[in-house]
Protein backbone atom coordinates (compact mmCIF):
# COMPACT_ATOMS: atom_id res chain seq x y z
CA MET A 1 21.69 18.00 -20.19
CA ASN A 2 20.91 20.98 -18.02
CA ILE A 3 17.35 21.89 -17.15
CA ALA A 4 15.76 24.67 -15.14
CA ILE A 5 13.40 23.62 -12.34
CA LYS A 6 10.72 25.93 -11.00
CA PRO A 7 11.19 26.83 -7.32
CA ASP A 8 8.07 24.96 -6.18
CA ILE A 9 9.27 21.77 -7.89
CA GLN A 10 12.78 22.25 -6.49
CA LYS A 11 11.26 22.53 -3.01
CA ARG A 12 9.45 19.21 -3.49
CA ILE A 13 12.66 17.55 -4.71
CA ASP A 14 14.54 18.94 -1.70
CA GLU A 15 11.86 17.53 0.63
CA ARG A 16 12.38 14.05 -0.85
CA LEU A 17 16.11 14.36 -0.39
CA ARG A 18 15.77 15.51 3.23
CA SER A 19 13.44 12.59 3.99
CA GLY A 20 16.12 10.17 2.79
CA GLU A 21 13.75 8.75 0.23
CA PHE A 22 16.27 9.54 -2.53
CA ASN A 23 20.04 9.98 -2.62
CA SER A 24 20.14 12.62 -5.36
CA ALA A 25 17.98 15.11 -7.22
CA GLU A 26 18.74 13.17 -10.39
CA ALA A 27 17.18 10.04 -8.87
CA VAL A 28 13.99 11.96 -8.01
CA VAL A 29 13.69 13.38 -11.51
CA GLU A 30 14.50 10.02 -13.14
CA GLN A 31 11.79 8.22 -11.17
CA ALA A 32 9.25 10.94 -11.88
CA LEU A 33 9.99 10.87 -15.60
CA THR A 34 9.88 7.08 -15.70
CA PHE A 35 6.43 7.03 -14.10
CA PHE A 36 5.23 9.84 -16.37
CA LEU A 37 6.54 8.26 -19.57
CA ASP A 38 5.26 4.79 -18.69
CA PHE A 39 1.84 6.28 -17.97
CA GLU A 40 1.81 8.44 -21.11
CA GLU A 41 2.94 5.57 -23.33
CA GLY A 42 0.22 3.30 -21.97
CA GLU A 43 2.65 0.94 -20.26
CA MET A 44 0.99 1.70 -16.93
CA SER A 45 -2.67 2.40 -16.32
CA GLU A 46 -3.80 5.03 -13.86
CA GLY A 47 -4.91 2.27 -11.50
CA GLU A 48 -1.51 0.55 -11.70
CA PHE A 49 0.22 3.86 -11.08
CA LEU A 50 -1.89 4.61 -8.01
CA GLU A 51 -1.45 1.06 -6.73
CA THR A 52 2.32 1.25 -7.17
CA LYS A 53 2.48 4.63 -5.46
CA ALA A 54 0.41 3.37 -2.53
CA ALA A 55 2.67 0.33 -2.15
CA ILE A 56 5.79 2.51 -2.19
CA ASP A 57 4.29 4.93 0.32
CA GLU A 58 3.35 2.07 2.65
CA ALA A 59 6.82 0.53 2.36
CA LEU A 60 8.43 3.87 3.22
CA ASP A 61 6.10 4.27 6.20
CA GLN A 62 6.97 0.77 7.41
CA ALA A 63 10.69 1.44 7.06
CA GLY A 64 10.27 4.71 8.94
CA ARG A 65 8.66 2.77 11.80
CA GLY A 66 11.52 0.28 11.79
CA GLU A 67 9.37 -2.54 10.42
CA THR A 68 12.10 -4.13 8.35
CA VAL A 69 13.55 -7.60 7.87
CA SER A 70 17.08 -8.64 7.02
CA LEU A 71 17.94 -9.74 3.50
CA GLU A 72 18.58 -13.23 4.83
CA GLU A 73 15.13 -13.40 6.44
CA PHE A 74 13.50 -12.09 3.28
CA GLU A 75 15.33 -14.65 1.14
CA ARG A 76 14.37 -17.51 3.50
CA ASP A 77 10.71 -16.43 3.48
CA MET A 78 10.57 -16.11 -0.32
CA ARG A 79 12.25 -19.46 -0.86
CA ALA A 80 9.73 -21.07 1.52
CA LYS A 81 6.78 -19.28 -0.05
CA TYR A 82 7.69 -20.26 -3.61
CA GLY A 83 9.27 -23.66 -2.88
CA ILE A 84 12.72 -22.70 -4.10
CA SER A 85 15.66 -24.67 -2.74
CA ARG A 86 19.17 -23.36 -2.50
């Protein structure tokens, strides 16, 4: 499928790519359409959408500040939190 994107939308996609938030324009468009369709089809309320967006924005900000943990540390913490043994 080929689609035409208006220049202002293309600029916004390019900004996301430059920020490193996405690896491809296709990924940006796919995420945007997923959010839109879920919202339109009632699978996500406006409040859930805004909450999800805020959580993603905060996670990206934290990563940008270097506030990350290793996968091993995350797994250890989650296993402890939920009482899951290896």
